[in-house]
Amino acid sequence: MLAFLKDHPFAVDAFFESSLVLTYAIPKEELQLLIPECLQLDTFDDKWAFVAVAMVQTKHLRPRGFPKFMGKDFFLTGYRIFVRYTTSEGKRLRGLYIIRSQTDKKKMEFFGNLFTHYNYTTIDIEQSTKGNIREISSKASGLKVLVETGEAGLPEHSPFSTWKEARRYAGPLPFTFTYNEAKKEVLIIEGVRQNWEPAPVKVLEHKVAFLDELKLKEVHLANAFIINDIPYYWKKGRKDLWKA
């Protein structure tokens, strides 16, 4: 009866205090079965597809138009595949398909699952910053990421030869897609941000148990970046009828 509530019925405001993103390159054949029929993988060299692991500390997350003091602070972890979608009007959109969402608070899990299709679960999150070293970990989800900020090159086995190439897969992409297979309907959520200038980081350690759970045969860290202090909001969701 209240299923429509999950379709992002209102815009949402937030402030990204920090966003650390690791992007992994995987042969496209391995990710094809993880996306719905309406989407295409966003590939590089017609070989590599990508999964991004985004770890975001948000502040003042709230319905757009509400005052800041009514917002709440949450840590969000999202696992997303880079994809493309062609609308019913023939417009090509580049965006993300979410395959797992996590947060550090039950309140966000409840409201996130009430107003989105992202299937949030609550996990433990530990964060620390010592000088140029930043660590984010979760025992419950088998996540541990240790990075060093400052000058950094691309990871050793990245498919990219330059940071300029890697930047196209560093996010954020403007659109996120959810698919209703029964109705052949795509829900499109557009994100709007300001001053998004990611800075590459050196990855000292990266353990992501969720990628192991997917049983992928070939996974390479492709890039890693961090960004701080960014105003961000998501527009109200809109629907598009997919034409095969």
C-alpha atoms as a PDB file:
ATOM      1  CA  MET A   1       0.000   0.000   0.000  1.00  0.00           C
ATOM      2  CA  LEU A   2       2.840   2.395   0.854  1.00  0.00           C
ATOM      3  CA  ALA A   3       5.225   1.047  -1.776  1.00  0.00           C
ATOM      4  CA  PHE A   4       5.345   4.444  -3.492  1.00  0.00           C
ATOM      5  CA  LEU A   5       7.229   5.829  -0.480  1.00  0.00           C
ATOM      6  CA  LYS A   6      10.314   3.853  -1.536  1.00  0.00           C
ATOM      7  CA  ASP A   7      10.525   5.777  -4.809  1.00  0.00           C
ATOM      8  CA  HIS A   8      12.386   8.801  -3.381  1.00  0.00           C
ATOM      9  CA  PRO A   9       9.181  10.856  -3.014  1.00  0.00           C
ATOM     10  CA  PHE A  10      11.016  14.033  -1.974  1.00  0.00           C
ATOM     11  CA  ALA A  11      14.399  15.714  -2.439  1.00  0.00           C
ATOM     12  CA  VAL A  12      17.059  15.211   0.236  1.00  0.00           C
ATOM     13  CA  ASP A  13      19.794  17.590   1.429  1.00  0.00           C
ATOM     14  CA  ALA A  14      23.118  16.584   2.985  1.00  0.00           C
ATOM     15  CA  PHE A  15      26.657  17.796   3.586  1.00  0.00           C
ATOM     16  CA  PHE A  16      29.498  15.417   2.768  1.00  0.00           C
ATOM     17  CA  GLU A  17      32.061  15.990   5.507  1.00  0.00           C
ATOM     18  CA  SER A  18      34.259  13.429   3.757  1.00  0.00           C
ATOM     19  CA  SER A  19      33.903  10.899   0.972  1.00  0.00           C
ATOM     20  CA  LEU A  20      36.514   8.202   0.400  1.00  0.00           C
ATOM     21  CA  VAL A  21      35.980   6.092  -2.722  1.00  0.00           C
ATOM     22  CA  LEU A  22      37.866   3.040  -3.972  1.00  0.00           C
ATOM     23  CA  THR A  23      37.050   1.865  -7.494  1.00  0.00           C
ATOM     24  CA  TYR A  24      37.779  -1.688  -8.642  1.00  0.00           C
ATOM     25  CA  ALA A  25      38.192  -2.863 -12.234  1.00  0.00           C
ATOM     26  CA  ILE A  26      36.656  -6.225 -13.106  1.00  0.00           C
ATOM     27  CA  PRO A  27      36.263  -7.941 -16.503  1.00  0.00           C
ATOM     28  CA  LYS A  28      32.857  -6.920 -17.841  1.00  0.00           C
ATOM     29  CA  GLU A  29      31.666 -10.515 -18.224  1.00  0.00           C
ATOM     30  CA  GLU A  30      31.889 -11.000 -14.465  1.00  0.00           C
ATOM     31  CA  LEU A  31      29.606  -8.053 -13.639  1.00  0.00           C
ATOM     32  CA  GLN A  32      27.044  -8.444 -16.405  1.00  0.00           C
ATOM     33  CA  LEU A  33      24.761 -10.726 -14.379  1.00  0.00           C
ATOM     34  CA  LEU A  34      24.706  -8.296 -11.442  1.00  0.00           C
ATOM     35  CA  ILE A  35      22.829  -5.555 -13.297  1.00  0.00           C
ATOM     36  CA  PRO A  36      19.218  -5.552 -14.584  1.00  0.00           C
ATOM     37  CA  GLU A  37      18.313  -5.921 -18.249  1.00  0.00           C
ATOM     38  CA  CYS A  38      17.623  -2.201 -18.715  1.00  0.00           C
ATOM     39  CA  LEU A  39      21.189  -1.131 -17.915  1.00  0.00           C
ATOM     40  CA  GLN A  40      24.507  -1.406 -19.714  1.00  0.00           C
ATOM     41  CA  LEU A  41      27.899  -1.593 -18.089  1.00  0.00           C
ATOM     42  CA  ASP A  42      29.988   1.555 -18.374  1.00  0.00           C
ATOM     43  CA  THR A  43      33.235   0.037 -19.613  1.00  0.00           C
ATOM     44  CA  PHE A  44      36.818   1.068 -20.305  1.00  0.00           C
ATOM     45  CA  ASP A  45      38.626  -0.321 -23.380  1.00  0.00           C
ATOM     46  CA  ASP A  46      35.554  -2.537 -23.912  1.00  0.00           C
ATOM     47  CA  LYS A  47      37.061  -4.881 -21.314  1.00  0.00           C
ATOM     48  CA  TRP A  48      36.816  -3.452 -17.820  1.00  0.00           C
ATOM     49  CA  ALA A  49      33.697  -2.711 -15.789  1.00  0.00           C
ATOM     50  CA  PHE A  50      33.823  -1.061 -12.378  1.00  0.00           C
ATOM     51  CA  VAL A  51      32.560  -1.379  -8.813  1.00  0.00           C
ATOM     52  CA  ALA A  52      32.994   1.599  -6.513  1.00  0.00           C
ATOM     53  CA  VAL A  53      33.078   1.348  -2.730  1.00  0.00           C
ATOM     54  CA  ALA A  54      32.067   4.731  -1.311  1.00  0.00           C
ATOM     55  CA  MET A  55      32.530   5.537   2.390  1.00  0.00           C
ATOM     56  CA  VAL A  56      30.808   8.814   3.216  1.00  0.00           C
ATOM     57  CA  GLN A  57      30.431  10.789   6.434  1.00  0.00           C
ATOM     58  CA  THR A  58      27.302  12.889   6.025  1.00  0.00           C
ATOM     59  CA  LYS A  59      26.033  15.756   8.195  1.00  0.00           C
ATOM     60  CA  HIS A  60      22.580  17.317   8.469  1.00  0.00           C
ATOM     61  CA  LEU A  61      20.915  14.745   6.193  1.00  0.00           C
ATOM     62  CA  ARG A  62      17.254  15.790   5.903  1.00  0.00           C
ATOM     63  CA  PRO A  63      14.378  16.414   3.468  1.00  0.00           C
ATOM     64  CA  ARG A  64      15.262  19.361   1.245  1.00  0.00           C
ATOM     65  CA  GLY A  65      13.931  22.634   2.624  1.00  0.00           C
ATOM     66  CA  PHE A  66      14.092  21.525   6.255  1.00  0.00           C
ATOM     67  CA  PRO A  67      16.460  23.510   8.535  1.00  0.00           C
ATOM     68  CA  LYS A  68      19.889  22.032   9.294  1.00  0.00           C
ATOM     69  CA  PHE A  69      19.143  21.438  12.966  1.00  0.00           C
ATOM     70  CA  MET A  70      16.508  18.888  11.928  1.00  0.00           C
ATOM     71  CA  GLY A  71      19.068  16.874   9.978  1.00  0.00           C
ATOM     72  CA  LYS A  72      21.003  13.883  11.285  1.00  0.00           C
ATOM     73  CA  ASP A  73      24.593  12.719  10.859  1.00  0.00           C
ATOM     74  CA  PHE A  74      25.219   9.280   9.372  1.00  0.00           C
ATOM     75  CA  PHE A  75      28.058   7.239   7.965  1.00  0.00           C
ATOM     76  CA  LEU A  76      27.093   5.564   4.689  1.00  0.00           C
ATOM     77  CA  THR A  77      28.842   2.815   2.766  1.00  0.00           C
ATOM     78  CA  GLY A  78      27.668   2.069  -0.752  1.00  0.00           C
ATOM     79  CA  TYR A  79      28.751  -0.550  -3.282  1.00  0.00           C
ATOM     80  CA  ARG A  80      27.845   0.604  -6.782  1.00  0.00           C
ATOM     81  CA  ILE A  81      28.410  -0.554 -10.366  1.00  0.00           C
ATOM     82  CA  PHE A  82      29.120   2.031 -13.068  1.00  0.00           C
ATOM     83  CA  VAL A  83      26.366   1.791 -15.683  1.00  0.00           C
ATOM     84  CA  ARG A  84      24.573   3.584 -18.523  1.00  0.00           C
ATOM     85  CA  TYR A  85      20.872   3.868 -19.263  1.00  0.00           C
ATOM     86  CA  THR A  86      19.051   5.023 -22.409  1.00  0.00           C
ATOM     87  CA  THR A  87      15.745   6.711 -21.567  1.00  0.00           C
ATOM     88  CA  SER A  88      12.486   6.243 -23.463  1.00  0.00           C
ATOM     89  CA  GLU A  89      13.284   9.542 -25.202  1.00  0.00           C
ATOM     90  CA  GLY A  90      16.670   8.262 -26.350  1.00  0.00           C
ATOM     91  CA  LYS A  91      18.785  10.235 -23.892  1.00  0.00           C
ATOM     92  CA  ARG A  92      21.869   8.394 -22.636  1.00  0.00           C
ATOM     93  CA  LEU A  93      22.547   8.742 -18.920  1.00  0.00           C
ATOM     94  CA  ARG A  94      25.671   7.704 -17.066  1.00  0.00           C
ATOM     95  CA  GLY A  95      25.257   6.619 -13.467  1.00  0.00           C
ATOM     96  CA  LEU A  96      25.347   3.940 -10.792  1.00  0.00           C
ATOM     97  CA  TYR A  97      23.496   0.778  -9.849  1.00  0.00           C
ATOM     98  CA  ILE A  98      23.603   0.063  -6.123  1.00  0.00           C
ATOM     99  CA  ILE A  99      24.223  -3.531  -5.045  1.00  0.00           C
ATOM    100  CA  ARG A 100      24.661  -2.992  -1.288  1.00  0.00           C
ATOM    101  CA  SER A 101      24.091  -0.153   1.194  1.00  0.00           C
ATOM    102  CA  GLN A 102      25.227   0.111   4.813  1.00  0.00           C
ATOM    103  CA  THR A 103      25.016   2.689   7.587  1.00  0.00           C
ATOM    104  CA  ASP A 104      26.179   3.126  11.164  1.00  0.00           C
ATOM    105  CA  LYS A 105      22.758   3.891  12.682  1.00  0.00           C
ATOM    106  CA  LYS A 106      19.463   2.006  12.924  1.00  0.00           C
ATOM    107  CA  LYS A 107      17.539   5.225  12.304  1.00  0.00           C
ATOM    108  CA  MET A 108      19.128   5.584   8.875  1.00  0.00           C
ATOM    109  CA  GLU A 109      18.457   1.917   8.127  1.00  0.00           C
ATOM    110  CA  PHE A 110      14.770   2.380   8.967  1.00  0.00           C
ATOM    111  CA  PHE A 111      14.185   5.601   7.054  1.00  0.00           C
ATOM    112  CA  GLY A 112      16.536   4.636   4.223  1.00  0.00           C
ATOM    113  CA  ASN A 113      14.545   1.471   3.612  1.00  0.00           C
ATOM    114  CA  LEU A 114      11.246   3.333   3.963  1.00  0.00           C
ATOM    115  CA  PHE A 115      12.074   5.913   1.291  1.00  0.00           C
ATOM    116  CA  THR A 116      14.511   4.060  -1.018  1.00  0.00           C
ATOM    117  CA  HIS A 117      15.090   0.650  -2.608  1.00  0.00           C
ATOM    118  CA  TYR A 118      18.686   0.505  -1.406  1.00  0.00           C
ATOM    119  CA  ASN A 119      18.175  -2.172   1.274  1.00  0.00           C
ATOM    120  CA  TYR A 120      20.266  -0.627   4.051  1.00  0.00           C
ATOM    121  CA  THR A 121      21.744  -2.687   6.848  1.00  0.00           C
ATOM    122  CA  THR A 122      23.393  -1.352  10.010  1.00  0.00           C
ATOM    123  CA  ILE A 123      27.049  -2.124  10.680  1.00  0.00           C
ATOM    124  CA  ASP A 124      29.761  -1.005  13.084  1.00  0.00           C
ATOM    125  CA  ILE A 125      32.081   1.699  11.769  1.00  0.00           C
ATOM    126  CA  GLU A 126      35.418   2.822  13.186  1.00  0.00           C
ATOM    127  CA  GLN A 127      37.198   5.890  11.805  1.00  0.00           C
ATOM    128  CA  SER A 128      40.545   7.446  12.662  1.00  0.00           C
ATOM    129  CA  THR A 129      42.879  10.069  11.203  1.00  0.00           C
ATOM    130  CA  LYS A 130      46.492  10.415  12.282  1.00  0.00           C
ATOM    131  CA  GLY A 131      48.415  12.966  10.271  1.00  0.00           C
ATOM    132  CA  ASN A 132      48.041  11.945   6.619  1.00  0.00           C
ATOM    133  CA  ILE A 133      46.820   8.437   7.441  1.00  0.00           C
ATOM    134  CA  ARG A 134      43.077   7.711   7.433  1.00  0.00           C
ATOM    135  CA  GLU A 135      41.513   4.389   8.433  1.00  0.00           C
ATOM    136  CA  ILE A 136      37.937   3.167   8.076  1.00  0.00           C
ATOM    137  CA  SER A 137      36.920  -0.290   9.248  1.00  0.00           C
ATOM    138  CA  SER A 138      33.965  -2.487  10.123  1.00  0.00           C
ATOM    139  CA  LYS A 139      34.336  -5.867  11.783  1.00  0.00           C
ATOM    140  CA  ALA A 140      30.745  -6.820  10.959  1.00  0.00           C
ATOM    141  CA  SER A 141      31.167  -6.318   7.217  1.00  0.00           C
ATOM    142  CA  GLY A 142      34.827  -7.303   6.885  1.00  0.00           C
ATOM    143  CA  LEU A 143      35.881  -3.870   5.711  1.00  0.00           C
ATOM    144  CA  LYS A 144      39.256  -2.268   6.369  1.00  0.00           C
ATOM    145  CA  VAL A 145      40.673   0.593   4.331  1.00  0.00           C
ATOM    146  CA  LEU A 146      43.870   2.451   5.136  1.00  0.00           C
ATOM    147  CA  VAL A 147      44.949   5.367   2.941  1.00  0.00           C
ATOM    148  CA  GLU A 148      47.539   8.116   2.899  1.00  0.00           C
ATOM    149  CA  THR A 149      46.517  11.545   1.649  1.00  0.00           C
ATOM    150  CA  GLY A 150      48.826  13.805  -0.314  1.00  0.00           C
ATOM    151  CA  GLU A 151      50.577  13.133  -3.602  1.00  0.00           C
ATOM    152  CA  ALA A 152      49.635   9.727  -4.986  1.00  0.00           C
ATOM    153  CA  GLY A 153      49.904   7.800  -8.217  1.00  0.00           C
ATOM    154  CA  LEU A 154      47.569   5.162  -9.603  1.00  0.00           C
ATOM    155  CA  PRO A 155      47.441   1.709  -7.983  1.00  0.00           C
ATOM    156  CA  GLU A 156      49.963  -0.778  -9.356  1.00  0.00           C
ATOM    157  CA  HIS A 157      47.538  -2.905 -11.414  1.00  0.00           C
ATOM    158  CA  SER A 158      45.137  -0.177 -12.474  1.00  0.00           C
ATOM    159  CA  PRO A 159      43.918  -0.455 -16.087  1.00  0.00           C
ATOM    160  CA  PHE A 160      44.333   3.314 -16.405  1.00  0.00           C
ATOM    161  CA  SER A 161      47.587   4.837 -17.595  1.00  0.00           C
ATOM    162  CA  THR A 162      46.907   8.366 -16.349  1.00  0.00           C
ATOM    163  CA  TRP A 163      44.921  10.044 -13.587  1.00  0.00           C
ATOM    164  CA  LYS A 164      42.956  11.855 -16.315  1.00  0.00           C
ATOM    165  CA  GLU A 165      41.651   8.499 -17.531  1.00  0.00           C
ATOM    166  CA  ALA A 166      40.931   7.338 -14.000  1.00  0.00           C
ATOM    167  CA  ARG A 167      39.076  10.544 -13.155  1.00  0.00           C
ATOM    168  CA  ARG A 168      36.151   9.515 -15.401  1.00  0.00           C
ATOM    169  CA  TYR A 169      35.562   6.590 -13.047  1.00  0.00           C
ATOM    170  CA  ALA A 170      36.136   8.476  -9.825  1.00  0.00           C
ATOM    171  CA  GLY A 171      32.537   9.633  -9.371  1.00  0.00           C
ATOM    172  CA  PRO A 172      30.230  10.883  -8.361  1.00  0.00           C
ATOM    173  CA  LEU A 173      28.057  10.149 -11.354  1.00  0.00           C
ATOM    174  CA  PRO A 174      24.896  12.251 -11.567  1.00  0.00           C
ATOM    175  CA  PHE A 175      22.335   9.442 -11.695  1.00  0.00           C
ATOM    176  CA  THR A 176      21.408   6.357  -9.701  1.00  0.00           C
ATOM    177  CA  PHE A 177      19.027   3.746 -11.152  1.00  0.00           C
ATOM    178  CA  THR A 178      16.553   1.269  -9.649  1.00  0.00           C
ATOM    179  CA  TYR A 179      14.577  -1.140 -11.835  1.00  0.00           C
ATOM    180  CA  ASN A 180      11.066  -2.550 -11.420  1.00  0.00           C
ATOM    181  CA  GLU A 181      11.198  -5.610 -13.681  1.00  0.00           C
ATOM    182  CA  ALA A 182       7.464  -6.360 -13.466  1.00  0.00           C
ATOM    183  CA  LYS A 183       6.540  -2.877 -14.702  1.00  0.00           C
ATOM    184  CA  LYS A 184       9.611  -2.397 -16.934  1.00  0.00           C
ATOM    185  CA  GLU A 185      10.042   0.865 -15.052  1.00  0.00           C
ATOM    186  CA  VAL A 186      13.302   2.622 -14.180  1.00  0.00           C
ATOM    187  CA  LEU A 187      13.473   4.940 -11.180  1.00  0.00           C
ATOM    188  CA  ILE A 188      16.047   7.683 -11.781  1.00  0.00           C
ATOM    189  CA  ILE A 189      17.511   9.689  -8.900  1.00  0.00           C
ATOM    190  CA  GLU A 190      19.688  12.659  -9.798  1.00  0.00           C
ATOM    191  CA  GLY A 191      22.348  13.933  -7.419  1.00  0.00           C
ATOM    192  CA  VAL A 192      23.541  17.543  -7.471  1.00  0.00           C
ATOM    193  CA  ARG A 193      26.854  18.632  -5.953  1.00  0.00           C
ATOM    194  CA  GLN A 194      29.168  21.640  -5.912  1.00  0.00           C
ATOM    195  CA  ASN A 195      32.957  21.987  -6.177  1.00  0.00           C
ATOM    196  CA  TRP A 196      33.641  18.278  -6.607  1.00  0.00           C
ATOM    197  CA  GLU A 197      37.419  18.028  -6.982  1.00  0.00           C
ATOM    198  CA  PRO A 198      38.626  14.596  -5.877  1.00  0.00           C
ATOM    199  CA  ALA A 199      42.182  14.204  -4.644  1.00  0.00           C
ATOM    200  CA  PRO A 200      43.939  10.870  -5.282  1.00  0.00           C
ATOM    201  CA  VAL A 201      45.132   8.941  -2.242  1.00  0.00           C
ATOM    202  CA  LYS A 202      47.660   6.167  -1.764  1.00  0.00           C
ATOM    203  CA  VAL A 203      45.978   2.942  -0.627  1.00  0.00           C
ATOM    204  CA  LEU A 204      48.060   1.207   2.026  1.00  0.00           C
ATOM    205  CA  GLU A 205      45.543  -1.547   2.794  1.00  0.00           C
ATOM    206  CA  HIS A 206      42.158  -2.525   1.410  1.00  0.00           C
ATOM    207  CA  LYS A 207      40.087  -5.438   2.612  1.00  0.00           C
ATOM    208  CA  VAL A 208      36.544  -5.558   1.198  1.00  0.00           C
ATOM    209  CA  ALA A 209      34.795  -8.784   2.150  1.00  0.00           C
ATOM    210  CA  PHE A 210      31.750  -8.031   0.012  1.00  0.00           C
ATOM    211  CA  LEU A 211      33.818  -8.307  -3.160  1.00  0.00           C
ATOM    212  CA  ASP A 212      35.023 -11.709  -1.967  1.00  0.00           C
ATOM    213  CA  GLU A 213      31.390 -12.749  -1.462  1.00  0.00           C
ATOM    214  CA  LEU A 214      30.682 -12.012  -5.125  1.00  0.00           C
ATOM    215  CA  LYS A 215      33.197 -14.730  -6.100  1.00  0.00           C
ATOM    216  CA  LEU A 216      34.817 -12.545  -8.728  1.00  0.00           C
ATOM    217  CA  LYS A 217      37.813 -14.118 -10.408  1.00  0.00           C
ATOM    218  CA  GLU A 218      39.749 -10.991 -11.344  1.00  0.00           C
ATOM    219  CA  VAL A 219      39.648  -7.762  -9.328  1.00  0.00           C
ATOM    220  CA  HIS A 220      42.096  -4.861  -9.572  1.00  0.00           C
ATOM    221  CA  LEU A 221      42.113  -1.649  -7.575  1.00  0.00           C
ATOM    222  CA  ALA A 222      41.739   0.994 -10.311  1.00  0.00           C
ATOM    223  CA  ASN A 223      41.759   4.291  -8.432  1.00  0.00           C
ATOM    224  CA  ALA A 224      41.138   5.838  -5.027  1.00  0.00           C
ATOM    225  CA  PHE A 225      40.249   9.381  -4.048  1.00  0.00           C
ATOM    226  CA  ILE A 226      38.989  11.488  -1.196  1.00  0.00           C
ATOM    227  CA  ILE A 227      37.020  14.705  -1.061  1.00  0.00           C
ATOM    228  CA  ASN A 228      35.917  16.865   1.844  1.00  0.00           C
ATOM    229  CA  ASP A 229      33.256  19.450   2.720  1.00  0.00           C
ATOM    230  CA  ILE A 230      30.814  19.197  -0.184  1.00  0.00           C
ATOM    231  CA  PRO A 231      27.155  20.354  -0.176  1.00  0.00           C
ATOM    232  CA  TYR A 232      25.043  17.665  -1.876  1.00  0.00           C
ATOM    233  CA  TYR A 233      21.408  16.939  -2.558  1.00  0.00           C
ATOM    234  CA  TRP A 234      19.317  14.305  -4.321  1.00  0.00           C
ATOM    235  CA  LYS A 235      16.337  15.329  -6.423  1.00  0.00           C
ATOM    236  CA  LYS A 236      12.963  13.652  -6.091  1.00  0.00           C
ATOM    237  CA  GLY A 237      12.913  10.357  -7.996  1.00  0.00           C
ATOM    238  CA  ARG A 238      11.385  10.214 -11.475  1.00  0.00           C
ATOM    239  CA  LYS A 239      10.237   7.185 -13.437  1.00  0.00           C
ATOM    240  CA  ASP A 240      10.903   6.170 -16.997  1.00  0.00           C
ATOM    241  CA  LEU A 241       9.359   3.299 -18.934  1.00  0.00           C
ATOM    242  CA  TRP A 242      12.135   1.180 -20.359  1.00  0.00           C
ATOM    243  CA  LYS A 243      11.925   0.327 -24.030  1.00  0.00           C
ATOM    244  CA  ALA A 244      13.849  -2.858 -24.824  1.00  0.00           C
END
